[in-house]
Amino acid sequence: MLYASDDTLYVALDPLFKDRWTLLAYDTSTGRERWRVALEPPSPGAGARVDFARAVGNRLLVGQAVNDLTITAYDTRNGKKLWRQVVPEGSGASLPPPLGVEVAEDGTHVYVGAEELHAVRISDGVVIWKFGYNRPYGDLMPARRHYGAPLVRNGVVYAAEGTETLVAVDARRGRLLWEADVSAGGAPNLVVPPVASSTVLCLPNTGGFGVVDLTSHRYVQTFDSGSVRLTAVDDTWFYGVGNGRVTQYEPQRKDQ
C-alpha cells in the first residue's frame, strides 16, 4: 500500500517477507518517519496485507479483504488503533481493487457495497444501517456480493444492486428512495463506482456504461464503450479512460 493525504505518506510493507506487516507514516516535506504500528491480520491465519487506505479527517481507514472486508481506523496523528469493523462480503466475493474505490465517504460515514450496503460511522466504527437484506438480486446467488462500489452525493448513496438494478438510498437512515431498472445495458459492474452530475448518473456495465436520469429515475441511454473508469465534469460532460484512450461523452436526459 502507498497512499498520500495532505502532508503525510502512508506505507504498508513486510520488510522481512515473513508476513509481519507494518503500517508507517512519513512527513512528505522531510521524509522523516512520524509513526509506525504493526498491522494485524483481518482474521486468524490470514495475511495482514492492505488492499486500500483512505484518510478522512484524523482517521486513516485501512481496508483488508479476505472473503470479508475488514476496515480498521487509525489516528493519523500517532497511529493509535481506534476501531475495527468487519463488513461481510459474501462467499466467493472478488477482492476489491487496490485504490479504495469500493468505498465512499461524506466526512461522517463510510459506505461499503458488499453482501449488503453498509454505512459505518467514521468516528467509532459503528454500523448505523444496512440495506438490502432479502431483496432480489437478479441472477446472483444469495450468498454472494450483491452491491457494487457506491457513490454518495448530496445525502444520497447510489449503488448497483445485483444484475439489474440501481438503488438510491437515504445516507442518513438507509431507506430506499427510488430504484431504476438498468438491465437494458447489461449487468452492472460491481467493482467500478458510478459517477454523477446534478442531472444524470453514469453506471459502468457489461455493455459499456449506462445513463440514468436523476429526475425521472429511468435508464435512458447506453454508451458502447471500452472505458473502465469515468469522471464527471460540470453538468454536461463525462470522461472515460480505457483501451489506451480518453473519451468525452455527452449523456442525454429523458426530455432531450
Protein backbone atom coordinates (compact mmCIF):
# COMPACT_ATOMS: atom_id res chain seq x y z
CA MET A 1 0.00 0.00 0.00
CA LEU A 2 1.16 3.50 -0.88
CA TYR A 3 -1.19 6.36 -0.06
CA ALA A 4 -0.73 10.11 0.40
CA SER A 5 -3.02 12.61 2.10
CA ASP A 6 -2.23 16.23 2.94
CA ASP A 7 1.38 16.23 4.17
CA THR A 8 1.62 12.55 5.11
CA LEU A 9 2.62 9.47 3.12
CA TYR A 10 1.31 6.12 4.40
CA VAL A 11 3.05 2.88 3.51
CA ALA A 12 2.29 -0.75 4.37
CA LEU A 13 5.18 -3.17 3.97
CA ASP A 14 6.56 -6.52 5.03
CA PRO A 15 10.30 -5.75 5.26
CA LEU A 16 11.49 -9.27 6.07
CA PHE A 17 8.98 -11.10 3.83
CA LYS A 18 7.73 -13.04 6.85
CA ASP A 19 4.15 -11.76 6.73
CA ARG A 20 4.89 -9.29 9.52
CA TRP A 21 3.31 -6.23 8.01
CA THR A 22 3.91 -2.73 9.32
CA LEU A 23 2.00 0.49 8.73
CA LEU A 24 4.20 3.60 8.60
CA ALA A 25 3.54 7.33 8.25
CA TYR A 26 6.11 9.76 6.80
CA ASP A 27 6.27 13.53 6.63
CA THR A 28 6.26 14.30 2.90
CA SER A 29 8.28 17.50 3.29
CA THR A 30 11.15 16.00 5.29
CA GLY A 31 10.87 12.25 4.67
CA ARG A 32 11.02 11.63 8.39
CA GLU A 33 9.04 8.80 9.94
CA ARG A 34 6.17 10.04 12.12
CA TRP A 35 4.99 6.72 13.48
CA ARG A 36 4.76 3.00 12.81
CA VAL A 37 2.42 0.26 14.04
CA ALA A 38 2.15 -3.47 13.47
CA LEU A 39 -0.67 -4.47 11.15
CA GLU A 40 -2.99 -7.17 12.39
CA PRO A 41 -4.33 -9.83 10.01
CA PRO A 42 -8.04 -9.43 9.21
CA SER A 43 -8.69 -12.96 10.50
CA PRO A 44 -6.65 -15.71 12.23
CA GLY A 45 -4.21 -17.32 9.82
CA ALA A 46 -4.74 -14.69 7.12
CA GLY A 47 -2.02 -12.42 5.80
CA ALA A 48 -2.03 -8.83 7.01
CA ARG A 49 -1.61 -7.20 3.60
CA VAL A 50 -3.58 -3.99 2.86
CA ASP A 51 -5.96 -3.55 -0.07
CA PHE A 52 -6.64 0.18 0.32
CA ALA A 53 -6.34 3.18 2.60
CA ARG A 54 -8.42 6.34 2.86
CA ALA A 55 -7.82 9.33 5.16
CA VAL A 56 -10.93 11.13 6.45
CA GLY A 57 -10.22 13.92 8.92
CA ASN A 58 -7.96 12.48 11.62
CA ARG A 59 -8.84 8.89 10.76
CA LEU A 60 -6.87 6.63 8.43
CA LEU A 61 -9.18 3.85 7.22
CA VAL A 62 -7.31 0.71 6.19
CA GLY A 63 -9.15 -2.00 4.26
CA GLN A 64 -8.13 -5.66 4.22
CA ALA A 65 -10.14 -8.17 2.19
CA VAL A 66 -10.09 -11.91 2.84
CA ASN A 67 -13.58 -13.15 1.92
CA ASP A 68 -15.00 -10.36 4.11
CA LEU A 69 -13.79 -6.75 4.21
CA THR A 70 -12.15 -5.61 7.46
CA ILE A 71 -11.84 -1.86 7.99
CA THR A 72 -9.52 -0.60 10.73
CA ALA A 73 -9.28 3.05 11.74
CA TYR A 74 -6.02 4.57 12.98
CA ASP A 75 -5.41 8.04 14.40
CA THR A 76 -3.49 9.90 11.68
CA ARG A 77 -1.56 11.84 14.32
CA ASN A 78 0.05 8.96 16.20
CA GLY A 79 -1.03 5.65 14.60
CA LYS A 80 -3.19 4.58 17.53
CA LYS A 81 -5.73 1.92 16.58
CA LEU A 82 -9.21 3.32 17.21
CA TRP A 83 -11.65 0.69 15.95
CA ARG A 84 -12.13 -2.30 13.65
CA GLN A 85 -15.27 -3.31 11.74
CA VAL A 86 -15.95 -6.36 9.56
CA VAL A 87 -18.28 -5.96 6.58
CA PRO A 88 -19.49 -9.33 5.22
CA GLU A 89 -18.73 -9.59 1.52
CA GLY A 90 -20.46 -12.93 0.94
CA SER A 91 -18.79 -16.18 -0.01
CA GLY A 92 -16.92 -16.18 -3.29
CA ALA A 93 -16.75 -12.38 -3.42
CA SER A 94 -13.96 -10.95 -5.52
CA LEU A 95 -11.30 -8.90 -3.79
CA PRO A 96 -11.67 -5.12 -4.09
CA PRO A 97 -9.38 -3.09 -6.32
CA PRO A 98 -6.34 -1.58 -4.58
CA LEU A 99 -7.38 2.07 -4.87
CA GLY A 100 -10.22 2.15 -2.34
CA VAL A 101 -12.89 2.97 -4.93
CA GLU A 102 -15.14 0.31 -3.43
CA VAL A 103 -15.92 2.64 -0.51
CA ALA A 104 -17.39 6.15 -0.48
CA GLU A 105 -17.39 8.69 2.33
CA ASP A 106 -19.04 12.00 3.15
CA GLY A 107 -16.80 13.04 6.05
CA THR A 108 -19.04 11.43 8.66
CA HIS A 109 -19.71 7.93 7.37
CA VAL A 110 -18.07 5.47 5.03
CA TYR A 111 -20.35 3.49 2.71
CA VAL A 112 -19.45 0.00 1.53
CA GLY A 113 -21.06 -2.13 -1.17
CA ALA A 114 -20.85 -5.78 -0.15
CA GLU A 115 -23.32 -8.56 0.66
CA GLU A 116 -25.46 -5.66 1.87
CA LEU A 117 -24.96 -1.91 1.56
CA HIS A 118 -23.39 -0.68 4.82
CA ALA A 119 -22.99 2.74 6.43
CA VAL A 120 -20.19 2.83 9.03
CA ARG A 121 -19.69 5.81 11.33
CA ILE A 122 -16.14 7.08 10.92
CA SER A 123 -15.78 8.36 14.48
CA ASP A 124 -16.25 4.99 16.20
CA GLY A 125 -16.82 2.28 13.56
CA VAL A 126 -20.45 1.63 14.44
CA VAL A 127 -22.63 0.31 11.60
CA ILE A 128 -25.54 2.74 11.65
CA TRP A 129 -27.56 1.00 8.95
CA LYS A 130 -27.59 -1.88 6.49
CA PHE A 131 -29.66 -2.01 3.33
CA GLY A 132 -30.57 -4.88 1.05
CA TYR A 133 -31.50 -7.84 3.23
CA ASN A 134 -33.64 -10.33 1.30
CA ARG A 135 -34.02 -8.12 -1.77
CA PRO A 136 -33.99 -9.66 -5.29
CA TYR A 137 -30.53 -9.65 -6.87
CA GLY A 138 -31.24 -10.89 -10.37
CA ASP A 139 -29.02 -13.80 -11.37
CA LEU A 140 -26.64 -13.56 -8.40
CA MET A 141 -26.53 -16.34 -5.84
CA PRO A 142 -27.96 -15.42 -2.39
CA ALA A 143 -24.62 -15.66 -0.52
CA ARG A 144 -22.53 -13.54 -2.87
CA ARG A 145 -21.63 -9.86 -3.04
CA HIS A 146 -24.80 -8.06 -4.09
CA TYR A 147 -23.92 -4.37 -4.10
CA GLY A 148 -21.40 -2.55 -6.19
CA ALA A 149 -18.95 0.18 -5.25
CA PRO A 150 -21.16 3.09 -4.07
CA LEU A 151 -21.31 6.80 -4.77
CA VAL A 152 -22.52 9.29 -2.14
CA ARG A 153 -23.77 12.67 -3.31
CA ASN A 154 -25.97 15.29 -1.61
CA GLY A 155 -27.18 12.90 1.08
CA VAL A 156 -27.94 10.00 -1.28
CA VAL A 157 -26.00 6.76 -1.69
CA TYR A 158 -26.16 5.24 -5.17
CA ALA A 159 -25.10 1.65 -5.85
CA ALA A 160 -25.64 -1.10 -8.37
CA GLU A 161 -27.74 -3.92 -6.96
CA GLY A 162 -27.27 -7.40 -8.37
CA THR A 163 -27.52 -7.76 -12.14
CA GLU A 164 -30.45 -5.48 -12.96
CA THR A 165 -30.95 -2.54 -10.60
CA LEU A 166 -29.58 0.78 -9.40
CA VAL A 167 -30.73 1.86 -5.94
CA ALA A 168 -30.75 5.33 -4.36
CA VAL A 169 -30.67 5.16 -0.56
CA ASP A 170 -31.00 7.89 2.06
CA ALA A 171 -27.50 8.31 3.50
CA ARG A 172 -28.78 9.15 7.00
CA ARG A 173 -31.35 6.41 7.52
CA GLY A 174 -30.61 3.74 4.94
CA ARG A 175 -34.10 3.90 3.45
CA LEU A 176 -34.78 3.27 -0.21
CA LEU A 177 -35.62 6.50 -2.03
CA TRP A 178 -36.02 5.03 -5.51
CA GLU A 179 -34.71 2.32 -7.80
CA ALA A 180 -34.19 2.01 -11.54
CA ASP A 181 -34.10 -1.00 -13.84
CA VAL A 182 -30.73 -0.76 -15.62
CA SER A 183 -30.74 -4.21 -17.24
CA ALA A 184 -31.07 -2.71 -20.75
CA GLY A 185 -27.33 -2.03 -20.71
CA GLY A 186 -26.32 -5.43 -19.34
CA ALA A 187 -25.34 -6.38 -15.82
CA PRO A 188 -23.84 -3.51 -13.78
CA ASN A 189 -20.16 -3.57 -12.91
CA LEU A 190 -19.97 -4.19 -9.14
CA VAL A 191 -16.32 -3.08 -8.84
CA VAL A 192 -16.33 0.34 -10.50
CA PRO A 193 -18.46 3.04 -8.81
CA PRO A 194 -20.95 5.20 -10.72
CA VAL A 195 -20.37 8.90 -11.29
CA ALA A 196 -22.98 11.65 -11.42
CA SER A 197 -23.68 15.23 -12.35
CA SER A 198 -26.67 17.11 -10.95
CA THR A 199 -28.92 15.68 -13.70
CA VAL A 200 -27.69 12.22 -14.70
CA LEU A 201 -25.80 9.26 -13.31
CA CYS A 202 -23.45 7.06 -15.35
CA LEU A 203 -23.13 3.42 -14.37
CA PRO A 204 -20.49 1.05 -15.82
CA ASN A 205 -21.99 -2.20 -17.15
CA THR A 206 -21.23 -5.09 -19.47
CA GLY A 207 -22.37 -3.03 -22.46
CA GLY A 208 -20.02 -0.13 -21.67
CA PHE A 209 -21.86 2.23 -19.36
CA GLY A 210 -25.44 3.38 -18.99
CA VAL A 211 -27.12 6.66 -18.14
CA VAL A 212 -29.88 7.10 -15.54
CA ASP A 213 -31.89 10.34 -15.44
CA LEU A 214 -31.89 11.57 -11.83
CA THR A 215 -35.22 13.35 -12.28
CA SER A 216 -37.29 10.63 -13.94
CA HIS A 217 -35.26 7.79 -12.32
CA ARG A 218 -35.21 5.98 -15.66
CA TYR A 219 -32.48 4.32 -17.67
CA VAL A 220 -32.18 6.45 -20.81
CA GLN A 221 -29.02 5.61 -22.74
CA THR A 222 -26.17 3.13 -23.24
CA PHE A 223 -22.68 4.03 -24.43
CA ASP A 224 -20.92 1.11 -26.11
CA SER A 225 -17.55 1.96 -24.64
CA GLY A 226 -14.25 0.44 -23.64
CA SER A 227 -13.92 2.92 -20.79
CA VAL A 228 -13.35 1.28 -17.43
CA ARG A 229 -13.22 4.45 -15.30
CA LEU A 230 -15.39 7.54 -15.53
CA THR A 231 -15.36 11.04 -14.11
CA ALA A 232 -17.92 13.86 -14.32
CA VAL A 233 -17.12 17.42 -15.34
CA ASP A 234 -19.76 20.07 -14.52
CA ASP A 235 -23.29 19.12 -15.64
CA THR A 236 -22.61 18.27 -19.25
CA TRP A 237 -19.52 16.18 -19.87
CA PHE A 238 -18.24 12.83 -18.70
CA TYR A 239 -14.80 11.46 -19.44
CA GLY A 240 -13.80 7.81 -19.59
CA VAL A 241 -10.46 6.04 -19.83
CA GLY A 242 -9.83 2.57 -21.22
CA ASN A 243 -8.15 0.75 -24.10
CA GLY A 244 -5.42 3.40 -24.13
CA ARG A 245 -7.84 6.25 -24.81
CA VAL A 246 -9.55 9.12 -23.04
CA THR A 247 -13.05 9.71 -24.43
CA GLN A 248 -15.51 12.56 -23.91
CA TYR A 249 -19.22 11.76 -23.59
CA GLU A 250 -22.34 13.91 -23.50
CA PRO A 251 -25.17 11.89 -21.92
CA GLN A 252 -28.77 12.78 -22.79
CA ARG A 253 -31.59 13.26 -20.32
CA LYS A 254 -35.08 11.79 -20.80
CA ASP A 255 -36.56 15.08 -22.05
CA GLN A 256 -33.79 15.73 -24.62
